[in-house]
Amino acid sequence: MTTSRQMVIELGLDYLRDVGSDQLCNICIANGGSCCKGCRNLSFKSGCRVRNTSCTAWLCGFLRYFLYEVDLLEEWYSFWKQVPGRDYREDYTPDYFEFQKTLVKRDLRFLSHELAEDLRILSENYPEQGYMFVLRERIDSNLDLLFDGENPDKRAIIKSNLGALSSEFYRFHKALETYRQQLEKGIEEYTSSKWE
């Protein structure tokens, strides 16, 4: 199937909007942790002037952690792996190219809202300069290790580290547990009705 560079960017932005990325970004930005800080394409009060495939595909530690916990990170990576020409804060993606996979939009704003609330509370409880940045980077580093590692023992340690780093995400973990139960119940209902 053929798609355009612009269509892929719009698909990615729509997907992120539906999972509630703006709620997480607002917390980081309010705490001086904008991922776009220092980018030459960033315009004061109007945001990004030049959207590209690289920046759309890139995820910060918090957003990456969110997609990991809702089991959508692999889908995200798989989608962007097929997009050619991505580079740091710019791209060389052709105007049109072939691709196979698409993103299935899911409304998960209720979950990202809970994570954003946890992050807001943490930013108030730990107002030290750089706390949110350090937390975001530690989560991101552990996710790097988790996906780069093959050793099951090391993966268990890394998952434990992620659990410790996210231990104060109370609202998010509670909402995530409910979400997973509903998801499991929906799958069970679907499979049992399918065989009746």
C-alpha atoms as a PDB file:
ATOM      1  CA  MET A   1       0.000   0.000   0.000  1.00  0.00           C
ATOM      2  CA  THR A   2       1.280   3.502  -0.795  1.00  0.00           C
ATOM      3  CA  THR A   3       1.075   6.375   1.655  1.00  0.00           C
ATOM      4  CA  SER A   4       2.394   9.898   1.892  1.00  0.00           C
ATOM      5  CA  ARG A   5       4.850  11.369   4.350  1.00  0.00           C
ATOM      6  CA  GLN A   6       2.184  13.842   5.477  1.00  0.00           C
ATOM      7  CA  MET A   7      -0.401  11.086   5.987  1.00  0.00           C
ATOM      8  CA  VAL A   8       1.988   9.138   8.227  1.00  0.00           C
ATOM      9  CA  ILE A   9       2.680  12.236  10.332  1.00  0.00           C
ATOM     10  CA  GLU A  10      -1.053  12.929  10.692  1.00  0.00           C
ATOM     11  CA  LEU A  11      -1.735   9.292  11.574  1.00  0.00           C
ATOM     12  CA  GLY A  12       0.961   9.409  14.266  1.00  0.00           C
ATOM     13  CA  LEU A  13      -0.281  12.706  15.697  1.00  0.00           C
ATOM     14  CA  ASP A  14      -3.906  11.487  15.749  1.00  0.00           C
ATOM     15  CA  TYR A  15      -2.843   8.288  17.499  1.00  0.00           C
ATOM     16  CA  LEU A  16      -0.872  10.214  20.136  1.00  0.00           C
ATOM     17  CA  ARG A  17      -3.754  12.637  20.627  1.00  0.00           C
ATOM     18  CA  ASP A  18      -6.142   9.712  21.200  1.00  0.00           C
ATOM     19  CA  VAL A  19      -3.890   8.129  23.824  1.00  0.00           C
ATOM     20  CA  GLY A  20      -3.649  11.521  25.544  1.00  0.00           C
ATOM     21  CA  SER A  21      -0.041  12.534  24.924  1.00  0.00           C
ATOM     22  CA  ASP A  22      -0.938  16.221  25.328  1.00  0.00           C
ATOM     23  CA  GLN A  23      -1.869  15.620  28.971  1.00  0.00           C
ATOM     24  CA  LEU A  24       1.582  14.183  29.661  1.00  0.00           C
ATOM     25  CA  CYS A  25       3.416  16.805  27.588  1.00  0.00           C
ATOM     26  CA  ASN A  26       1.686  19.637  29.459  1.00  0.00           C
ATOM     27  CA  ILE A  27       3.121  18.383  32.761  1.00  0.00           C
ATOM     28  CA  CYS A  28       6.660  18.155  31.387  1.00  0.00           C
ATOM     29  CA  ILE A  29       6.488  21.533  29.684  1.00  0.00           C
ATOM     30  CA  ALA A  30       5.181  23.160  32.884  1.00  0.00           C
ATOM     31  CA  ASN A  31       8.211  21.709  34.686  1.00  0.00           C
ATOM     32  CA  GLY A  32      10.769  22.849  32.107  1.00  0.00           C
ATOM     33  CA  GLY A  33      11.129  19.470  30.438  1.00  0.00           C
ATOM     34  CA  SER A  34       9.980  20.064  26.890  1.00  0.00           C
ATOM     35  CA  CYS A  35      11.451  17.506  24.490  1.00  0.00           C
ATOM     36  CA  CYS A  36      11.541  20.204  21.833  1.00  0.00           C
ATOM     37  CA  LYS A  37      13.644  22.623  23.889  1.00  0.00           C
ATOM     38  CA  GLY A  38      16.432  24.024  21.745  1.00  0.00           C
ATOM     39  CA  CYS A  39      15.010  22.816  18.427  1.00  0.00           C
ATOM     40  CA  ARG A  40      15.448  25.332  15.603  1.00  0.00           C
ATOM     41  CA  ASN A  41      11.945  24.506  14.309  1.00  0.00           C
ATOM     42  CA  LEU A  42      10.255  25.548  17.552  1.00  0.00           C
ATOM     43  CA  SER A  43       8.473  28.886  17.401  1.00  0.00           C
ATOM     44  CA  PHE A  44       7.597  30.791  20.581  1.00  0.00           C
ATOM     45  CA  LYS A  45       3.879  30.493  21.468  1.00  0.00           C
ATOM     46  CA  SER A  46       3.043  28.564  18.294  1.00  0.00           C
ATOM     47  CA  GLY A  47       5.019  25.343  18.684  1.00  0.00           C
ATOM     48  CA  CYS A  48       6.591  23.323  15.908  1.00  0.00           C
ATOM     49  CA  ARG A  49       6.826  24.986  12.499  1.00  0.00           C
ATOM     50  CA  VAL A  50       8.062  21.916  10.614  1.00  0.00           C
ATOM     51  CA  ARG A  51       6.456  18.609  11.551  1.00  0.00           C
ATOM     52  CA  ASN A  52       8.480  15.600  10.488  1.00  0.00           C
ATOM     53  CA  THR A  53       8.379  11.817  10.766  1.00  0.00           C
ATOM     54  CA  SER A  54      11.295  11.625  13.220  1.00  0.00           C
ATOM     55  CA  CYS A  55       9.830  13.891  15.873  1.00  0.00           C
ATOM     56  CA  THR A  56       6.384  12.371  15.472  1.00  0.00           C
ATOM     57  CA  ALA A  57       7.794   8.857  15.989  1.00  0.00           C
ATOM     58  CA  TRP A  58      10.006   9.783  18.954  1.00  0.00           C
ATOM     59  CA  LEU A  59       8.611   9.178  22.453  1.00  0.00           C
ATOM     60  CA  CYS A  60       9.792  10.649  25.739  1.00  0.00           C
ATOM     61  CA  GLY A  61      10.242   8.377  28.751  1.00  0.00           C
ATOM     62  CA  PHE A  62       6.786   9.057  30.192  1.00  0.00           C
ATOM     63  CA  LEU A  63       4.904   8.536  26.940  1.00  0.00           C
ATOM     64  CA  ARG A  64       7.007   5.519  26.113  1.00  0.00           C
ATOM     65  CA  TYR A  65       6.313   4.079  29.568  1.00  0.00           C
ATOM     66  CA  PHE A  66       2.593   4.707  29.065  1.00  0.00           C
ATOM     67  CA  LEU A  67       2.521   2.828  25.728  1.00  0.00           C
ATOM     68  CA  TYR A  68       4.607   0.028  27.284  1.00  0.00           C
ATOM     69  CA  GLU A  69       2.141  -0.415  30.155  1.00  0.00           C
ATOM     70  CA  VAL A  70      -0.898  -0.521  27.842  1.00  0.00           C
ATOM     71  CA  ASP A  71       0.888  -2.984  25.518  1.00  0.00           C
ATOM     72  CA  LEU A  72       1.035  -0.631  22.535  1.00  0.00           C
ATOM     73  CA  LEU A  73       4.743   0.177  22.385  1.00  0.00           C
ATOM     74  CA  GLU A  74       5.596  -2.700  20.037  1.00  0.00           C
ATOM     75  CA  GLU A  75       2.774  -1.641  17.695  1.00  0.00           C
ATOM     76  CA  TRP A  76       4.138   1.933  17.681  1.00  0.00           C
ATOM     77  CA  TYR A  77       7.696   0.795  16.942  1.00  0.00           C
ATOM     78  CA  SER A  78       6.548  -1.635  14.269  1.00  0.00           C
ATOM     79  CA  PHE A  79       4.620   1.106  12.493  1.00  0.00           C
ATOM     80  CA  TRP A  80       7.516   3.591  12.461  1.00  0.00           C
ATOM     81  CA  LYS A  81      10.124   0.982  11.506  1.00  0.00           C
ATOM     82  CA  GLN A  82       8.567   0.894   8.023  1.00  0.00           C
ATOM     83  CA  VAL A  83       8.934   4.675   7.548  1.00  0.00           C
ATOM     84  CA  PRO A  84      12.200   5.477   5.764  1.00  0.00           C
ATOM     85  CA  GLY A  85      14.464   8.500   6.234  1.00  0.00           C
ATOM     86  CA  ARG A  86      14.009   9.361   9.897  1.00  0.00           C
ATOM     87  CA  ASP A  87      16.849  11.267  11.565  1.00  0.00           C
ATOM     88  CA  TYR A  88      17.361  13.399  14.677  1.00  0.00           C
ATOM     89  CA  ARG A  89      14.803  16.276  14.621  1.00  0.00           C
ATOM     90  CA  GLU A  90      14.540  16.079  10.834  1.00  0.00           C
ATOM     91  CA  ASP A  91      13.735  13.558   8.186  1.00  0.00           C
ATOM     92  CA  TYR A  92      14.553  12.537   4.655  1.00  0.00           C
ATOM     93  CA  THR A  93      11.328  10.592   4.256  1.00  0.00           C
ATOM     94  CA  PRO A  94      10.151  10.567   0.639  1.00  0.00           C
ATOM     95  CA  ASP A  95       6.849  12.258  -0.167  1.00  0.00           C
ATOM     96  CA  TYR A  96       5.366   8.828  -1.020  1.00  0.00           C
ATOM     97  CA  PHE A  97       6.450   5.334  -0.026  1.00  0.00           C
ATOM     98  CA  GLU A  98       5.164   1.788   0.441  1.00  0.00           C
ATOM     99  CA  PHE A  99       4.031   0.536   3.825  1.00  0.00           C
ATOM    100  CA  GLN A 100       2.157  -2.451   5.262  1.00  0.00           C
ATOM    101  CA  LYS A 101       1.100  -1.697   8.830  1.00  0.00           C
ATOM    102  CA  THR A 102      -1.107   1.042  10.154  1.00  0.00           C
ATOM    103  CA  LEU A 103      -1.951   2.265  13.643  1.00  0.00           C
ATOM    104  CA  VAL A 104      -5.250   1.342  15.247  1.00  0.00           C
ATOM    105  CA  LYS A 105      -6.499   4.367  17.170  1.00  0.00           C
ATOM    106  CA  ARG A 106      -7.557   3.826  20.772  1.00  0.00           C
ATOM    107  CA  ASP A 107      -9.066   6.358  23.127  1.00  0.00           C
ATOM    108  CA  LEU A 108      -6.926   6.022  26.257  1.00  0.00           C
ATOM    109  CA  ARG A 109      -7.150   9.602  27.451  1.00  0.00           C
ATOM    110  CA  PHE A 110      -8.724   8.431  30.719  1.00  0.00           C
ATOM    111  CA  LEU A 111      -5.536   6.479  31.490  1.00  0.00           C
ATOM    112  CA  SER A 112      -3.111   9.192  30.432  1.00  0.00           C
ATOM    113  CA  HIS A 113      -5.118  11.648  32.526  1.00  0.00           C
ATOM    114  CA  GLU A 114      -4.401   9.536  35.617  1.00  0.00           C
ATOM    115  CA  LEU A 115      -0.680   9.344  34.803  1.00  0.00           C
ATOM    116  CA  ALA A 116      -0.601  13.101  34.181  1.00  0.00           C
ATOM    117  CA  GLU A 117      -2.262  13.647  37.575  1.00  0.00           C
ATOM    118  CA  ASP A 118       0.362  11.455  39.240  1.00  0.00           C
ATOM    119  CA  LEU A 119       3.114  13.426  37.498  1.00  0.00           C
ATOM    120  CA  ARG A 120       1.529  16.726  38.527  1.00  0.00           C
ATOM    121  CA  ILE A 121       1.412  15.596  42.161  1.00  0.00           C
ATOM    122  CA  LEU A 122       5.028  14.413  41.975  1.00  0.00           C
ATOM    123  CA  SER A 123       6.102  17.760  40.534  1.00  0.00           C
ATOM    124  CA  GLU A 124       4.448  19.484  43.511  1.00  0.00           C
ATOM    125  CA  ASN A 125       5.882  17.042  46.054  1.00  0.00           C
ATOM    126  CA  TYR A 126       9.384  17.235  44.555  1.00  0.00           C
ATOM    127  CA  PRO A 127       9.715  20.797  43.265  1.00  0.00           C
ATOM    128  CA  GLU A 128      13.501  20.527  42.961  1.00  0.00           C
ATOM    129  CA  GLN A 129      14.788  21.707  39.629  1.00  0.00           C
ATOM    130  CA  GLY A 130      15.205  18.758  37.299  1.00  0.00           C
ATOM    131  CA  TYR A 131      13.335  16.080  39.302  1.00  0.00           C
ATOM    132  CA  MET A 132      10.808  15.377  36.541  1.00  0.00           C
ATOM    133  CA  PHE A 133      13.539  15.377  33.900  1.00  0.00           C
ATOM    134  CA  VAL A 134      15.654  12.875  35.855  1.00  0.00           C
ATOM    135  CA  LEU A 135      12.652  10.610  36.479  1.00  0.00           C
ATOM    136  CA  ARG A 136      11.687  10.710  32.801  1.00  0.00           C
ATOM    137  CA  GLU A 137      15.246   9.910  31.705  1.00  0.00           C
ATOM    138  CA  ARG A 138      15.623   7.027  34.177  1.00  0.00           C
ATOM    139  CA  ILE A 139      12.392   5.478  32.951  1.00  0.00           C
ATOM    140  CA  ASP A 140      13.537   5.964  29.366  1.00  0.00           C
ATOM    141  CA  SER A 141      16.951   4.382  30.062  1.00  0.00           C
ATOM    142  CA  ASN A 142      15.359   1.348  31.676  1.00  0.00           C
ATOM    143  CA  LEU A 143      13.011   0.927  28.726  1.00  0.00           C
ATOM    144  CA  ASP A 144      16.053   1.053  26.418  1.00  0.00           C
ATOM    145  CA  LEU A 145      17.684  -1.710  28.450  1.00  0.00           C
ATOM    146  CA  LEU A 146      14.489  -3.746  28.553  1.00  0.00           C
ATOM    147  CA  PHE A 147      14.104  -3.785  24.779  1.00  0.00           C
ATOM    148  CA  ASP A 148      17.794  -4.196  24.031  1.00  0.00           C
ATOM    149  CA  GLY A 149      18.351  -7.059  26.476  1.00  0.00           C
ATOM    150  CA  GLU A 150      17.933 -10.726  25.711  1.00  0.00           C
ATOM    151  CA  ASN A 151      18.790 -12.114  29.143  1.00  0.00           C
ATOM    152  CA  PRO A 152      15.567 -13.027  31.039  1.00  0.00           C
ATOM    153  CA  ASP A 153      17.230 -12.474  34.442  1.00  0.00           C
ATOM    154  CA  LYS A 154      18.294  -8.963  33.460  1.00  0.00           C
ATOM    155  CA  ARG A 155      14.832  -8.266  32.036  1.00  0.00           C
ATOM    156  CA  ALA A 156      13.301  -9.182  35.403  1.00  0.00           C
ATOM    157  CA  ILE A 157      15.657  -6.753  37.167  1.00  0.00           C
ATOM    158  CA  ILE A 158      14.854  -3.997  34.667  1.00  0.00           C
ATOM    159  CA  LYS A 159      11.101  -4.571  35.098  1.00  0.00           C
ATOM    160  CA  SER A 160      11.645  -4.346  38.852  1.00  0.00           C
ATOM    161  CA  ASN A 161      13.513  -1.051  38.329  1.00  0.00           C
ATOM    162  CA  LEU A 162      10.608   0.275  36.261  1.00  0.00           C
ATOM    163  CA  GLY A 163       8.241  -0.770  39.024  1.00  0.00           C
ATOM    164  CA  ALA A 164      10.305   1.165  41.571  1.00  0.00           C
ATOM    165  CA  LEU A 165      10.550   4.243  39.335  1.00  0.00           C
ATOM    166  CA  SER A 166       6.791   4.225  38.773  1.00  0.00           C
ATOM    167  CA  SER A 167       5.867   3.294  42.341  1.00  0.00           C
ATOM    168  CA  GLU A 168       4.318   6.705  43.011  1.00  0.00           C
ATOM    169  CA  PHE A 169       2.045   6.552  39.957  1.00  0.00           C
ATOM    170  CA  TYR A 170      -0.822   5.510  42.246  1.00  0.00           C
ATOM    171  CA  ARG A 171      -3.729   6.809  40.192  1.00  0.00           C
ATOM    172  CA  PHE A 172      -2.319   5.432  36.971  1.00  0.00           C
ATOM    173  CA  HIS A 173      -1.677   1.947  38.374  1.00  0.00           C
ATOM    174  CA  LYS A 174      -5.189   1.774  39.799  1.00  0.00           C
ATOM    175  CA  ALA A 175      -6.755   2.878  36.491  1.00  0.00           C
ATOM    176  CA  LEU A 176      -4.445   0.534  34.562  1.00  0.00           C
ATOM    177  CA  GLU A 177      -5.532  -2.417  36.689  1.00  0.00           C
ATOM    178  CA  THR A 178      -9.187  -1.622  35.988  1.00  0.00           C
ATOM    179  CA  TYR A 179      -8.438  -1.164  32.275  1.00  0.00           C
ATOM    180  CA  ARG A 180      -6.663  -4.532  32.090  1.00  0.00           C
ATOM    181  CA  GLN A 181      -9.524  -6.266  33.898  1.00  0.00           C
ATOM    182  CA  GLN A 182     -12.046  -4.755  31.485  1.00  0.00           C
ATOM    183  CA  LEU A 183      -9.863  -5.700  28.540  1.00  0.00           C
ATOM    184  CA  GLU A 184      -9.556  -9.271  29.811  1.00  0.00           C
ATOM    185  CA  LYS A 185     -13.282  -9.463  30.493  1.00  0.00           C
ATOM    186  CA  GLY A 186     -14.005  -8.166  26.989  1.00  0.00           C
ATOM    187  CA  ILE A 187     -11.734 -10.801  25.449  1.00  0.00           C
ATOM    188  CA  GLU A 188     -13.322 -13.546  27.548  1.00  0.00           C
ATOM    189  CA  GLU A 189     -16.815 -12.379  26.567  1.00  0.00           C
ATOM    190  CA  TYR A 190     -15.773 -12.242  22.917  1.00  0.00           C
ATOM    191  CA  THR A 191     -14.220 -15.727  22.906  1.00  0.00           C
ATOM    192  CA  SER A 192     -17.065 -17.331  24.869  1.00  0.00           C
ATOM    193  CA  SER A 193     -19.745 -15.759  22.648  1.00  0.00           C
ATOM    194  CA  LYS A 194     -17.807 -16.822  19.579  1.00  0.00           C
ATOM    195  CA  TRP A 195     -18.097 -20.507  20.585  1.00  0.00           C
ATOM    196  CA  GLU A 196     -21.762 -20.445  21.668  1.00  0.00           C
END
